[in-house]
């Protein structure tokens, strides 16, 4: 009997190895099934379904966070889809490629509510470095009869209006005060890790090197800084995300789905360009000091919204 004791660890190791080989074989079969899908839409569906099956097999301890948001997620199937595509990012990128993953994830975010984003455990307006600490309040329905604040900081019914993540995907999400529009700035792995912009799920300012995040000037115009022209006489290396002294500026009109990329002229010293709305015009300033003094470099008309 004594000689049988040392065999137990060996048997356990053999059983573990057998399970691992079975898991590897199942993973390869899943990869082949996804790769053979007729078209991107079916590949996305199959890859998402495989990730969701893994998600449903997680232990209750691993899904404690999801449990706190269950009252909301039970009403929002999209919220669960976002969690699956967020938690299994590496696997989904491997199976679909960076571009397909990013475009699909951006399309999901284009339909998301602030509560869906809060349930992802992203940083928020209250604390960018940690997830929501008040799901019992933020998961509640907002009071639609009350005036919506320009900037919402939780805990508040309906959740904050801005969310971010500094690792992995690296993204920044900003909602308008009425939650009708959302801007997503996300690291683009196919562009060397540069940031790309989607507004309501549509790529904007394609090719521009963008800052980490921007802001909604109002419930219509999203503003974000971009790398300025190399040929500008005052261009130089500088501190900051873009590492340049002279910036360009991107203004996206969410009502018209139109983007303007403003590049400074040699005489325009846009060190930290700002935009202010005055009635039916947008005033572009070189920096906060110029904005404070009321010295715009450009005045742009605001087109009437579509009927």
C-alpha atoms as a PDB file:
ATOM      1  CA  UNK A   1       0.000   0.000   0.000  1.00  0.00           C
ATOM      2  CA  UNK A   2       2.829   2.388   0.840  1.00  0.00           C
ATOM      3  CA  UNK A   3       4.194   2.233  -2.697  1.00  0.00           C
ATOM      4  CA  UNK A   4       0.878   3.466  -4.152  1.00  0.00           C
ATOM      5  CA  UNK A   5       1.028   6.931  -2.500  1.00  0.00           C
ATOM      6  CA  UNK A   6       3.664   8.498  -4.782  1.00  0.00           C
ATOM      7  CA  UNK A   7       1.591   7.534  -7.826  1.00  0.00           C
ATOM      8  CA  UNK A   8      -1.256   9.949  -6.955  1.00  0.00           C
ATOM      9  CA  UNK A   9       0.580  13.149  -8.065  1.00  0.00           C
ATOM     10  CA  UNK A  10       1.672  11.398 -11.263  1.00  0.00           C
ATOM     11  CA  UNK A  11      -1.905  10.316 -11.950  1.00  0.00           C
ATOM     12  CA  UNK A  12      -3.181  13.851 -11.296  1.00  0.00           C
ATOM     13  CA  UNK A  13      -0.530  15.260 -13.643  1.00  0.00           C
ATOM     14  CA  UNK A  14      -1.493  12.746 -16.333  1.00  0.00           C
ATOM     15  CA  UNK A  15      -5.171  13.652 -15.951  1.00  0.00           C
ATOM     16  CA  UNK A  16      -4.290  17.359 -16.190  1.00  0.00           C
ATOM     17  CA  UNK A  17      -2.209  16.753 -19.298  1.00  0.00           C
ATOM     18  CA  UNK A  18      -5.064  14.797 -20.829  1.00  0.00           C
ATOM     19  CA  UNK A  19      -7.489  17.667 -20.133  1.00  0.00           C
ATOM     20  CA  UNK A  20      -5.034  20.199 -21.550  1.00  0.00           C
ATOM     21  CA  UNK A  21      -4.594  18.145 -24.728  1.00  0.00           C
ATOM     22  CA  UNK A  22      -8.372  17.878 -25.054  1.00  0.00           C
ATOM     23  CA  UNK A  23      -8.746  21.627 -24.515  1.00  0.00           C
ATOM     24  CA  UNK A  24      -6.032  22.348 -27.104  1.00  0.00           C
ATOM     25  CA  UNK A  25      -7.737  20.046 -29.619  1.00  0.00           C
ATOM     26  CA  UNK A  26     -11.094  21.718 -28.994  1.00  0.00           C
ATOM     27  CA  UNK A  27      -9.481  25.142 -29.418  1.00  0.00           C
ATOM     28  CA  UNK A  28      -7.921  24.136 -32.751  1.00  0.00           C
ATOM     29  CA  UNK A  29     -11.251  22.736 -33.942  1.00  0.00           C
ATOM     30  CA  UNK A  30     -12.946  26.013 -32.955  1.00  0.00           C
ATOM     31  CA  UNK A  31     -10.271  27.992 -34.823  1.00  0.00           C
ATOM     32  CA  UNK A  32     -10.850  25.916 -37.960  1.00  0.00           C
ATOM     33  CA  UNK A  33     -14.615  26.251 -37.691  1.00  0.00           C
ATOM     34  CA  UNK A  34     -14.311  30.046 -37.463  1.00  0.00           C
ATOM     35  CA  UNK A  35     -11.717  30.276 -40.252  1.00  0.00           C
ATOM     36  CA  UNK A  36     -13.986  28.336 -42.618  1.00  0.00           C
ATOM     37  CA  UNK A  37     -16.906  30.725 -42.132  1.00  0.00           C
ATOM     38  CA  UNK A  38     -18.301  32.125 -45.416  1.00  0.00           C
ATOM     39  CA  UNK A  39     -17.588  35.828 -44.970  1.00  0.00           C
ATOM     40  CA  UNK A  40     -16.667  38.249 -42.178  1.00  0.00           C
ATOM     41  CA  UNK A  41     -20.168  38.483 -40.721  1.00  0.00           C
ATOM     42  CA  UNK A  42     -20.310  34.738 -40.080  1.00  0.00           C
ATOM     43  CA  UNK A  43     -16.721  34.687 -38.755  1.00  0.00           C
ATOM     44  CA  UNK A  44     -17.658  37.419 -36.294  1.00  0.00           C
ATOM     45  CA  UNK A  45     -20.783  35.516 -35.242  1.00  0.00           C
ATOM     46  CA  UNK A  46     -18.900  32.248 -34.713  1.00  0.00           C
ATOM     47  CA  UNK A  47     -16.007  33.877 -32.838  1.00  0.00           C
ATOM     48  CA  UNK A  48     -18.402  35.804 -30.611  1.00  0.00           C
ATOM     49  CA  UNK A  49     -20.428  32.669 -29.874  1.00  0.00           C
ATOM     50  CA  UNK A  50     -17.274  30.754 -28.882  1.00  0.00           C
ATOM     51  CA  UNK A  51     -16.216  33.555 -26.521  1.00  0.00           C
ATOM     52  CA  UNK A  52     -19.688  33.714 -25.002  1.00  0.00           C
ATOM     53  CA  UNK A  53     -19.602  29.958 -24.273  1.00  0.00           C
ATOM     54  CA  UNK A  54     -16.360  30.477 -22.338  1.00  0.00           C
ATOM     55  CA  UNK A  55     -17.930  33.390 -20.499  1.00  0.00           C
ATOM     56  CA  UNK A  56     -20.924  31.328 -19.384  1.00  0.00           C
ATOM     57  CA  UNK A  57     -18.572  28.658 -17.970  1.00  0.00           C
ATOM     58  CA  UNK A  58     -16.791  31.112 -15.669  1.00  0.00           C
ATOM     59  CA  UNK A  59     -17.054  30.455 -11.933  1.00  0.00           C
ATOM     60  CA  UNK A  60     -19.421  32.634  -9.859  1.00  0.00           C
ATOM     61  CA  UNK A  61     -16.378  34.201  -8.166  1.00  0.00           C
ATOM     62  CA  UNK A  62     -14.994  35.338 -11.519  1.00  0.00           C
ATOM     63  CA  UNK A  63     -18.283  37.014 -12.355  1.00  0.00           C
ATOM     64  CA  UNK A  64     -18.890  38.845  -9.056  1.00  0.00           C
ATOM     65  CA  UNK A  65     -18.538  42.130 -10.920  1.00  0.00           C
ATOM     66  CA  UNK A  66     -21.112  41.054 -13.507  1.00  0.00           C
ATOM     67  CA  UNK A  67     -23.452  40.056 -10.701  1.00  0.00           C
ATOM     68  CA  UNK A  68     -23.444  43.607  -9.341  1.00  0.00           C
ATOM     69  CA  UNK A  69     -24.655  44.850 -12.721  1.00  0.00           C
ATOM     70  CA  UNK A  70     -27.065  41.976 -13.374  1.00  0.00           C
ATOM     71  CA  UNK A  71     -30.220  44.093 -12.811  1.00  0.00           C
ATOM     72  CA  UNK A  72     -29.113  46.244 -15.738  1.00  0.00           C
ATOM     73  CA  UNK A  73     -27.522  43.518 -17.888  1.00  0.00           C
ATOM     74  CA  UNK A  74     -30.709  41.456 -17.723  1.00  0.00           C
ATOM     75  CA  UNK A  75     -32.346  44.355 -19.611  1.00  0.00           C
ATOM     76  CA  UNK A  76     -29.423  44.994 -21.960  1.00  0.00           C
ATOM     77  CA  UNK A  77     -28.202  42.020 -24.040  1.00  0.00           C
ATOM     78  CA  UNK A  78     -25.757  44.422 -25.692  1.00  0.00           C
ATOM     79  CA  UNK A  79     -24.115  45.014 -22.316  1.00  0.00           C
ATOM     80  CA  UNK A  80     -23.269  41.327 -22.000  1.00  0.00           C
ATOM     81  CA  UNK A  81     -21.989  41.237 -25.593  1.00  0.00           C
ATOM     82  CA  UNK A  82     -19.652  44.127 -24.789  1.00  0.00           C
ATOM     83  CA  UNK A  83     -18.299  42.335 -21.720  1.00  0.00           C
ATOM     84  CA  UNK A  84     -17.607  39.194 -23.765  1.00  0.00           C
ATOM     85  CA  UNK A  85     -15.832  41.133 -26.524  1.00  0.00           C
ATOM     86  CA  UNK A  86     -13.879  43.086 -23.902  1.00  0.00           C
ATOM     87  CA  UNK A  87     -12.799  40.193 -21.679  1.00  0.00           C
ATOM     88  CA  UNK A  88     -11.804  37.948 -24.609  1.00  0.00           C
ATOM     89  CA  UNK A  89     -10.118  40.662 -26.658  1.00  0.00           C
ATOM     90  CA  UNK A  90      -6.845  38.779 -27.229  1.00  0.00           C
ATOM     91  CA  UNK A  91      -8.582  35.602 -28.382  1.00  0.00           C
ATOM     92  CA  UNK A  92     -10.972  37.476 -30.653  1.00  0.00           C
ATOM     93  CA  UNK A  93      -8.160  39.541 -32.182  1.00  0.00           C
ATOM     94  CA  UNK A  94      -6.237  36.331 -32.908  1.00  0.00           C
ATOM     95  CA  UNK A  95      -9.210  34.739 -34.607  1.00  0.00           C
ATOM     96  CA  UNK A  96     -10.503  37.768 -36.501  1.00  0.00           C
ATOM     97  CA  UNK A  97      -7.529  40.095 -36.955  1.00  0.00           C
ATOM     98  CA  UNK A  98      -7.041  43.567 -35.496  1.00  0.00           C
ATOM     99  CA  UNK A  99      -9.106  45.459 -38.050  1.00  0.00           C
ATOM    100  CA  UNK A 100     -12.174  43.206 -37.898  1.00  0.00           C
ATOM    101  CA  UNK A 101     -12.076  43.107 -34.097  1.00  0.00           C
ATOM    102  CA  UNK A 102     -11.696  46.869 -33.726  1.00  0.00           C
ATOM    103  CA  UNK A 103     -14.405  47.725 -36.228  1.00  0.00           C
ATOM    104  CA  UNK A 104     -16.884  45.307 -34.658  1.00  0.00           C
ATOM    105  CA  UNK A 105     -16.103  46.439 -31.109  1.00  0.00           C
ATOM    106  CA  UNK A 106     -16.537  50.071 -32.218  1.00  0.00           C
ATOM    107  CA  UNK A 107     -19.921  49.155 -33.737  1.00  0.00           C
ATOM    108  CA  UNK A 108     -20.976  47.584 -30.434  1.00  0.00           C
ATOM    109  CA  UNK A 109     -19.902  50.693 -28.548  1.00  0.00           C
ATOM    110  CA  UNK A 110     -21.852  52.818 -31.042  1.00  0.00           C
ATOM    111  CA  UNK A 111     -25.047  51.235 -29.667  1.00  0.00           C
ATOM    112  CA  UNK A 112     -23.949  51.198 -26.018  1.00  0.00           C
ATOM    113  CA  UNK A 113     -25.423  53.216 -23.185  1.00  0.00           C
ATOM    114  CA  UNK A 114     -23.348  54.717 -20.359  1.00  0.00           C
ATOM    115  CA  UNK A 115     -24.527  51.857 -18.122  1.00  0.00           C
ATOM    116  CA  UNK A 116     -23.240  49.297 -20.633  1.00  0.00           C
ATOM    117  CA  UNK A 117     -19.833  50.994 -20.500  1.00  0.00           C
ATOM    118  CA  UNK A 118     -19.833  51.181 -16.705  1.00  0.00           C
ATOM    119  CA  UNK A 119     -20.556  47.437 -16.568  1.00  0.00           C
ATOM    120  CA  UNK A 120     -17.299  46.853 -18.504  1.00  0.00           C
ATOM    121  CA  UNK A 121     -15.450  47.949 -15.318  1.00  0.00           C
ATOM    122  CA  UNK A 122     -13.791  50.872 -17.106  1.00  0.00           C
ATOM    123  CA  UNK A 123     -12.524  53.969 -15.383  1.00  0.00           C
ATOM    124  CA  UNK A 124     -15.138  56.731 -15.365  1.00  0.00           C
ATOM    125  CA  UNK A 125     -15.614  60.444 -14.870  1.00  0.00           C
ATOM    126  CA  UNK A 126     -15.357  60.067 -11.096  1.00  0.00           C
ATOM    127  CA  UNK A 127     -12.122  58.039 -11.116  1.00  0.00           C
ATOM    128  CA  UNK A 128     -10.280  57.262 -14.341  1.00  0.00           C
ATOM    129  CA  UNK A 129      -8.057  54.689 -12.635  1.00  0.00           C
ATOM    130  CA  UNK A 130     -10.721  52.331 -11.285  1.00  0.00           C
ATOM    131  CA  UNK A 131     -14.123  50.880 -12.089  1.00  0.00           C
ATOM    132  CA  UNK A 132     -17.470  52.165 -10.851  1.00  0.00           C
ATOM    133  CA  UNK A 133     -17.919  51.909  -7.076  1.00  0.00           C
ATOM    134  CA  UNK A 134     -21.662  52.570  -7.082  1.00  0.00           C
ATOM    135  CA  UNK A 135     -23.437  50.079  -9.378  1.00  0.00           C
ATOM    136  CA  UNK A 136     -26.425  49.994  -7.035  1.00  0.00           C
ATOM    137  CA  UNK A 137     -26.988  53.686  -7.943  1.00  0.00           C
ATOM    138  CA  UNK A 138     -25.464  53.967 -11.434  1.00  0.00           C
ATOM    139  CA  UNK A 139     -27.505  51.000 -12.747  1.00  0.00           C
ATOM    140  CA  UNK A 140     -30.760  52.827 -11.963  1.00  0.00           C
ATOM    141  CA  UNK A 141     -32.785  54.635 -14.613  1.00  0.00           C
ATOM    142  CA  UNK A 142     -32.071  58.366 -14.842  1.00  0.00           C
ATOM    143  CA  UNK A 143     -34.816  60.900 -14.185  1.00  0.00           C
ATOM    144  CA  UNK A 144     -35.713  61.888 -17.753  1.00  0.00           C
ATOM    145  CA  UNK A 145     -37.850  64.785 -16.512  1.00  0.00           C
ATOM    146  CA  UNK A 146     -34.840  66.477 -14.919  1.00  0.00           C
ATOM    147  CA  UNK A 147     -32.388  68.622 -16.842  1.00  0.00           C
ATOM    148  CA  UNK A 148     -29.415  66.541 -17.967  1.00  0.00           C
ATOM    149  CA  UNK A 149     -26.081  67.840 -16.730  1.00  0.00           C
ATOM    150  CA  UNK A 150     -23.375  68.681 -19.249  1.00  0.00           C
ATOM    151  CA  UNK A 151     -20.907  66.506 -17.315  1.00  0.00           C
ATOM    152  CA  UNK A 152     -22.152  63.681 -15.106  1.00  0.00           C
ATOM    153  CA  UNK A 153     -20.037  62.365 -12.253  1.00  0.00           C
ATOM    154  CA  UNK A 154     -21.241  59.291 -10.394  1.00  0.00           C
ATOM    155  CA  UNK A 155     -22.601  57.710  -8.458  1.00  0.00           C
ATOM    156  CA  UNK A 156     -25.645  58.944 -10.370  1.00  0.00           C
ATOM    157  CA  UNK A 157     -28.626  57.103 -11.924  1.00  0.00           C
ATOM    158  CA  UNK A 158     -27.746  56.315 -15.522  1.00  0.00           C
ATOM    159  CA  UNK A 159     -23.973  56.327 -14.818  1.00  0.00           C
ATOM    160  CA  UNK A 160     -21.228  58.803 -15.716  1.00  0.00           C
ATOM    161  CA  UNK A 161     -20.829  60.284 -19.210  1.00  0.00           C
ATOM    162  CA  UNK A 162     -17.153  59.458 -19.798  1.00  0.00           C
ATOM    163  CA  UNK A 163     -15.209  56.171 -19.566  1.00  0.00           C
ATOM    164  CA  UNK A 164     -11.624  55.128 -20.219  1.00  0.00           C
ATOM    165  CA  UNK A 165      -9.084  52.330 -20.087  1.00  0.00           C
ATOM    166  CA  UNK A 166      -5.331  52.876 -20.137  1.00  0.00           C
ATOM    167  CA  UNK A 167      -4.268  49.270 -20.784  1.00  0.00           C
ATOM    168  CA  UNK A 168      -4.920  46.598 -23.391  1.00  0.00           C
ATOM    169  CA  UNK A 169      -7.326  48.017 -25.959  1.00  0.00           C
ATOM    170  CA  UNK A 170      -6.770  51.557 -24.613  1.00  0.00           C
ATOM    171  CA  UNK A 171      -9.883  53.595 -25.239  1.00  0.00           C
ATOM    172  CA  UNK A 172     -11.761  56.726 -24.223  1.00  0.00           C
ATOM    173  CA  UNK A 173     -15.567  57.025 -24.567  1.00  0.00           C
ATOM    174  CA  UNK A 174     -17.490  60.290 -24.261  1.00  0.00           C
ATOM    175  CA  UNK A 175     -21.280  60.679 -24.364  1.00  0.00           C
ATOM    176  CA  UNK A 176     -23.272  63.818 -25.048  1.00  0.00           C
ATOM    177  CA  UNK A 177     -25.465  65.038 -22.204  1.00  0.00           C
ATOM    178  CA  UNK A 178     -28.547  63.448 -23.810  1.00  0.00           C
ATOM    179  CA  UNK A 179     -26.636  60.179 -24.545  1.00  0.00           C
ATOM    180  CA  UNK A 180     -27.651  60.365 -28.228  1.00  0.00           C
ATOM    181  CA  UNK A 181     -24.077  60.490 -29.490  1.00  0.00           C
ATOM    182  CA  UNK A 182     -20.880  58.859 -28.329  1.00  0.00           C
ATOM    183  CA  UNK A 183     -17.286  59.313 -29.434  1.00  0.00           C
ATOM    184  CA  UNK A 184     -14.826  56.446 -29.079  1.00  0.00           C
ATOM    185  CA  UNK A 185     -11.085  57.018 -29.260  1.00  0.00           C
ATOM    186  CA  UNK A 186      -9.317  53.646 -29.401  1.00  0.00           C
ATOM    187  CA  UNK A 187      -5.774  52.420 -29.964  1.00  0.00           C
ATOM    188  CA  UNK A 188      -5.412  51.126 -33.517  1.00  0.00           C
ATOM    189  CA  UNK A 189      -3.020  48.162 -33.577  1.00  0.00           C
ATOM    190  CA  UNK A 190      -2.839  48.302 -37.386  1.00  0.00           C
ATOM    191  CA  UNK A 191      -1.541  51.873 -37.204  1.00  0.00           C
ATOM    192  CA  UNK A 192       1.342  51.254 -34.835  1.00  0.00           C
ATOM    193  CA  UNK A 193      -0.735  51.830 -31.716  1.00  0.00           C
ATOM    194  CA  UNK A 194      -1.936  55.289 -32.769  1.00  0.00           C
ATOM    195  CA  UNK A 195      -5.354  56.429 -31.616  1.00  0.00           C
ATOM    196  CA  UNK A 196      -8.325  56.324 -34.005  1.00  0.00           C
ATOM    197  CA  UNK A 197     -11.738  57.962 -33.679  1.00  0.00           C
ATOM    198  CA  UNK A 198     -15.233  56.546 -34.183  1.00  0.00           C
ATOM    199  CA  UNK A 199     -18.333  58.690 -33.692  1.00  0.00           C
ATOM    200  CA  UNK A 200     -21.582  56.733 -33.462  1.00  0.00           C
ATOM    201  CA  UNK A 201     -19.708  53.727 -34.873  1.00  0.00           C
ATOM    202  CA  UNK A 202     -18.409  55.514 -37.986  1.00  0.00           C
ATOM    203  CA  UNK A 203     -14.640  56.138 -38.426  1.00  0.00           C
ATOM    204  CA  UNK A 204     -13.770  59.839 -38.425  1.00  0.00           C
ATOM    205  CA  UNK A 205     -10.573  61.749 -39.263  1.00  0.00           C
ATOM    206  CA  UNK A 206      -9.070  58.611 -40.797  1.00  0.00           C
ATOM    207  CA  UNK A 207      -5.284  58.828 -41.023  1.00  0.00           C
ATOM    208  CA  UNK A 208      -4.862  61.637 -38.490  1.00  0.00           C
ATOM    209  CA  UNK A 209      -2.640  61.060 -35.455  1.00  0.00           C
ATOM    210  CA  UNK A 210      -4.994  61.870 -32.604  1.00  0.00           C
ATOM    211  CA  UNK A 211      -4.656  62.775 -28.954  1.00  0.00           C
ATOM    212  CA  UNK A 212      -5.719  60.362 -26.226  1.00  0.00           C
ATOM    213  CA  UNK A 213      -9.205  61.870 -26.003  1.00  0.00           C
ATOM    214  CA  UNK A 214     -11.309  64.909 -26.774  1.00  0.00           C
ATOM    215  CA  UNK A 215     -14.549  66.513 -25.594  1.00  0.00           C
ATOM    216  CA  UNK A 216     -18.077  67.351 -26.677  1.00  0.00           C
ATOM    217  CA  UNK A 217     -18.291  71.087 -27.241  1.00  0.00           C
ATOM    218  CA  UNK A 218     -22.077  70.759 -27.115  1.00  0.00           C
ATOM    219  CA  UNK A 219     -24.489  67.935 -27.914  1.00  0.00           C
ATOM    220  CA  UNK A 220     -23.397  68.040 -31.550  1.00  0.00           C
ATOM    221  CA  UNK A 221     -19.693  68.825 -32.024  1.00  0.00           C
ATOM    222  CA  UNK A 222     -16.856  66.589 -30.846  1.00  0.00           C
ATOM    223  CA  UNK A 223     -13.402  68.197 -30.671  1.00  0.00           C
ATOM    224  CA  UNK A 224     -10.036  66.459 -30.431  1.00  0.00           C
ATOM    225  CA  UNK A 225      -6.461  67.606 -31.007  1.00  0.00           C
ATOM    226  CA  UNK A 226      -4.255  65.989 -33.634  1.00  0.00           C
ATOM    227  CA  UNK A 227      -0.602  66.034 -34.600  1.00  0.00           C
ATOM    228  CA  UNK A 228       0.291  69.281 -36.353  1.00  0.00           C
ATOM    229  CA  UNK A 229       2.104  69.634 -39.690  1.00  0.00           C
ATOM    230  CA  UNK A 230       5.817  68.806 -39.808  1.00  0.00           C
ATOM    231  CA  UNK A 231       6.418  71.762 -42.110  1.00  0.00           C
ATOM    232  CA  UNK A 232       5.118  74.391 -39.687  1.00  0.00           C
ATOM    233  CA  UNK A 233       7.944  76.869 -38.869  1.00  0.00           C
ATOM    234  CA  UNK A 234       7.321  76.521 -35.106  1.00  0.00           C
ATOM    235  CA  UNK A 235       6.924  72.752 -35.083  1.00  0.00           C
ATOM    236  CA  UNK A 236       9.179  70.975 -32.573  1.00  0.00           C
ATOM    237  CA  UNK A 237       9.235  68.061 -30.160  1.00  0.00           C
ATOM    238  CA  UNK A 238       7.268  68.753 -26.997  1.00  0.00           C
ATOM    239  CA  UNK A 239       5.818  67.046 -23.945  1.00  0.00           C
ATOM    240  CA  UNK A 240       2.410  65.410 -24.242  1.00  0.00           C
ATOM    241  CA  UNK A 241       0.672  62.530 -26.000  1.00  0.00           C
ATOM    242  CA  UNK A 242       1.382  63.829 -29.506  1.00  0.00           C
ATOM    243  CA  UNK A 243       4.948  65.023 -28.748  1.00  0.00           C
ATOM    244  CA  UNK A 244       4.617  68.099 -30.959  1.00  0.00           C
ATOM    245  CA  UNK A 245       4.555  71.829 -30.210  1.00  0.00           C
ATOM    246  CA  UNK A 246       2.023  72.752 -32.921  1.00  0.00           C
ATOM    247  CA  UNK A 247      -1.328  70.933 -33.056  1.00  0.00           C
ATOM    248  CA  UNK A 248      -4.006  70.455 -35.648  1.00  0.00           C
ATOM    249  CA  UNK A 249      -7.658  70.205 -34.653  1.00  0.00           C
ATOM    250  CA  UNK A 250     -10.484  67.804 -35.539  1.00  0.00           C
ATOM    251  CA  UNK A 251     -14.131  68.875 -35.242  1.00  0.00           C
ATOM    252  CA  UNK A 252     -16.807  66.250 -35.930  1.00  0.00           C
ATOM    253  CA  UNK A 253     -20.431  67.281 -36.431  1.00  0.00           C
ATOM    254  CA  UNK A 254     -22.480  64.322 -35.170  1.00  0.00           C
ATOM    255  CA  UNK A 255     -25.751  65.662 -36.594  1.00  0.00           C
ATOM    256  CA  UNK A 256     -24.367  65.881 -40.143  1.00  0.00           C
ATOM    257  CA  UNK A 257     -21.817  63.035 -39.738  1.00  0.00           C
ATOM    258  CA  UNK A 258     -19.151  65.390 -41.138  1.00  0.00           C
ATOM    259  CA  UNK A 259     -15.560  65.852 -39.998  1.00  0.00           C
ATOM    260  CA  UNK A 260     -13.349  68.899 -40.392  1.00  0.00           C
ATOM    261  CA  UNK A 261      -9.583  68.581 -39.916  1.00  0.00           C
ATOM    262  CA  UNK A 262      -8.135  72.047 -39.313  1.00  0.00           C
ATOM    263  CA  UNK A 263      -4.409  72.420 -40.030  1.00  0.00           C
ATOM    264  CA  UNK A 264      -2.734  75.613 -38.783  1.00  0.00           C
ATOM    265  CA  UNK A 265      -1.242  78.051 -41.256  1.00  0.00           C
ATOM    266  CA  UNK A 266       2.412  79.087 -40.761  1.00  0.00           C
ATOM    267  CA  UNK A 267       1.214  82.226 -38.935  1.00  0.00           C
ATOM    268  CA  UNK A 268      -1.140  80.315 -36.617  1.00  0.00           C
ATOM    269  CA  UNK A 269       0.639  79.154 -33.457  1.00  0.00           C
ATOM    270  CA  UNK A 270      -1.699  76.441 -32.245  1.00  0.00           C
ATOM    271  CA  UNK A 271       0.101  75.227 -29.136  1.00  0.00           C
ATOM    272  CA  UNK A 272      -3.100  74.041 -27.489  1.00  0.00           C
ATOM    273  CA  UNK A 273      -6.021  74.923 -29.795  1.00  0.00           C
ATOM    274  CA  UNK A 274      -9.450  75.490 -28.303  1.00  0.00           C
ATOM    275  CA  UNK A 275     -12.963  75.783 -29.744  1.00  0.00           C
ATOM    276  CA  UNK A 276     -15.856  77.811 -28.371  1.00  0.00           C
ATOM    277  CA  UNK A 277     -19.345  78.080 -29.798  1.00  0.00           C
ATOM    278  CA  UNK A 278     -20.913  81.518 -30.151  1.00  0.00           C
ATOM    279  CA  UNK A 279     -24.415  81.257 -31.570  1.00  0.00           C
ATOM    280  CA  UNK A 280     -24.170  79.856 -35.089  1.00  0.00           C
ATOM    281  CA  UNK A 281     -20.380  80.075 -35.295  1.00  0.00           C
ATOM    282  CA  UNK A 282     -17.424  78.113 -33.928  1.00  0.00           C
ATOM    283  CA  UNK A 283     -14.432  80.183 -32.832  1.00  0.00           C
ATOM    284  CA  UNK A 284     -11.021  78.497 -33.011  1.00  0.00           C
ATOM    285  CA  UNK A 285      -8.307  79.817 -30.679  1.00  0.00           C
ATOM    286  CA  UNK A 286      -4.582  79.089 -30.608  1.00  0.00           C
ATOM    287  CA  UNK A 287      -4.545  78.321 -26.873  1.00  0.00           C
ATOM    288  CA  UNK A 288      -6.563  78.883 -23.667  1.00  0.00           C
ATOM    289  CA  UNK A 289      -5.076  82.368 -23.207  1.00  0.00           C
ATOM    290  CA  UNK A 290      -6.289  83.439 -26.641  1.00  0.00           C
ATOM    291  CA  UNK A 291      -9.719  81.999 -25.870  1.00  0.00           C
ATOM    292  CA  UNK A 292      -9.859  83.914 -22.599  1.00  0.00           C
ATOM    293  CA  UNK A 293      -8.889  87.119 -24.401  1.00  0.00           C
ATOM    294  CA  UNK A 294     -11.418  86.522 -27.182  1.00  0.00           C
ATOM    295  CA  UNK A 295      -8.836  86.402 -30.018  1.00  0.00           C
ATOM    296  CA  UNK A 296      -9.967  83.708 -32.475  1.00  0.00           C
ATOM    297  CA  UNK A 297      -7.759  82.653 -35.372  1.00  0.00           C
ATOM    298  CA  UNK A 298     -10.761  81.339 -37.295  1.00  0.00           C
ATOM    299  CA  UNK A 299     -14.529  81.701 -37.212  1.00  0.00           C
ATOM    300  CA  UNK A 300     -16.466  78.819 -38.777  1.00  0.00           C
ATOM    301  CA  UNK A 301     -20.175  78.727 -39.554  1.00  0.00           C
ATOM    302  CA  UNK A 302     -22.379  76.057 -37.978  1.00  0.00           C
ATOM    303  CA  UNK A 303     -24.573  74.462 -40.619  1.00  0.00           C
ATOM    304  CA  UNK A 304     -28.254  74.044 -39.739  1.00  0.00           C
ATOM    305  CA  UNK A 305     -29.101  70.530 -38.518  1.00  0.00           C
ATOM    306  CA  UNK A 306     -30.854  68.169 -40.931  1.00  0.00           C
ATOM    307  CA  UNK A 307     -34.638  68.238 -40.978  1.00  0.00           C
END
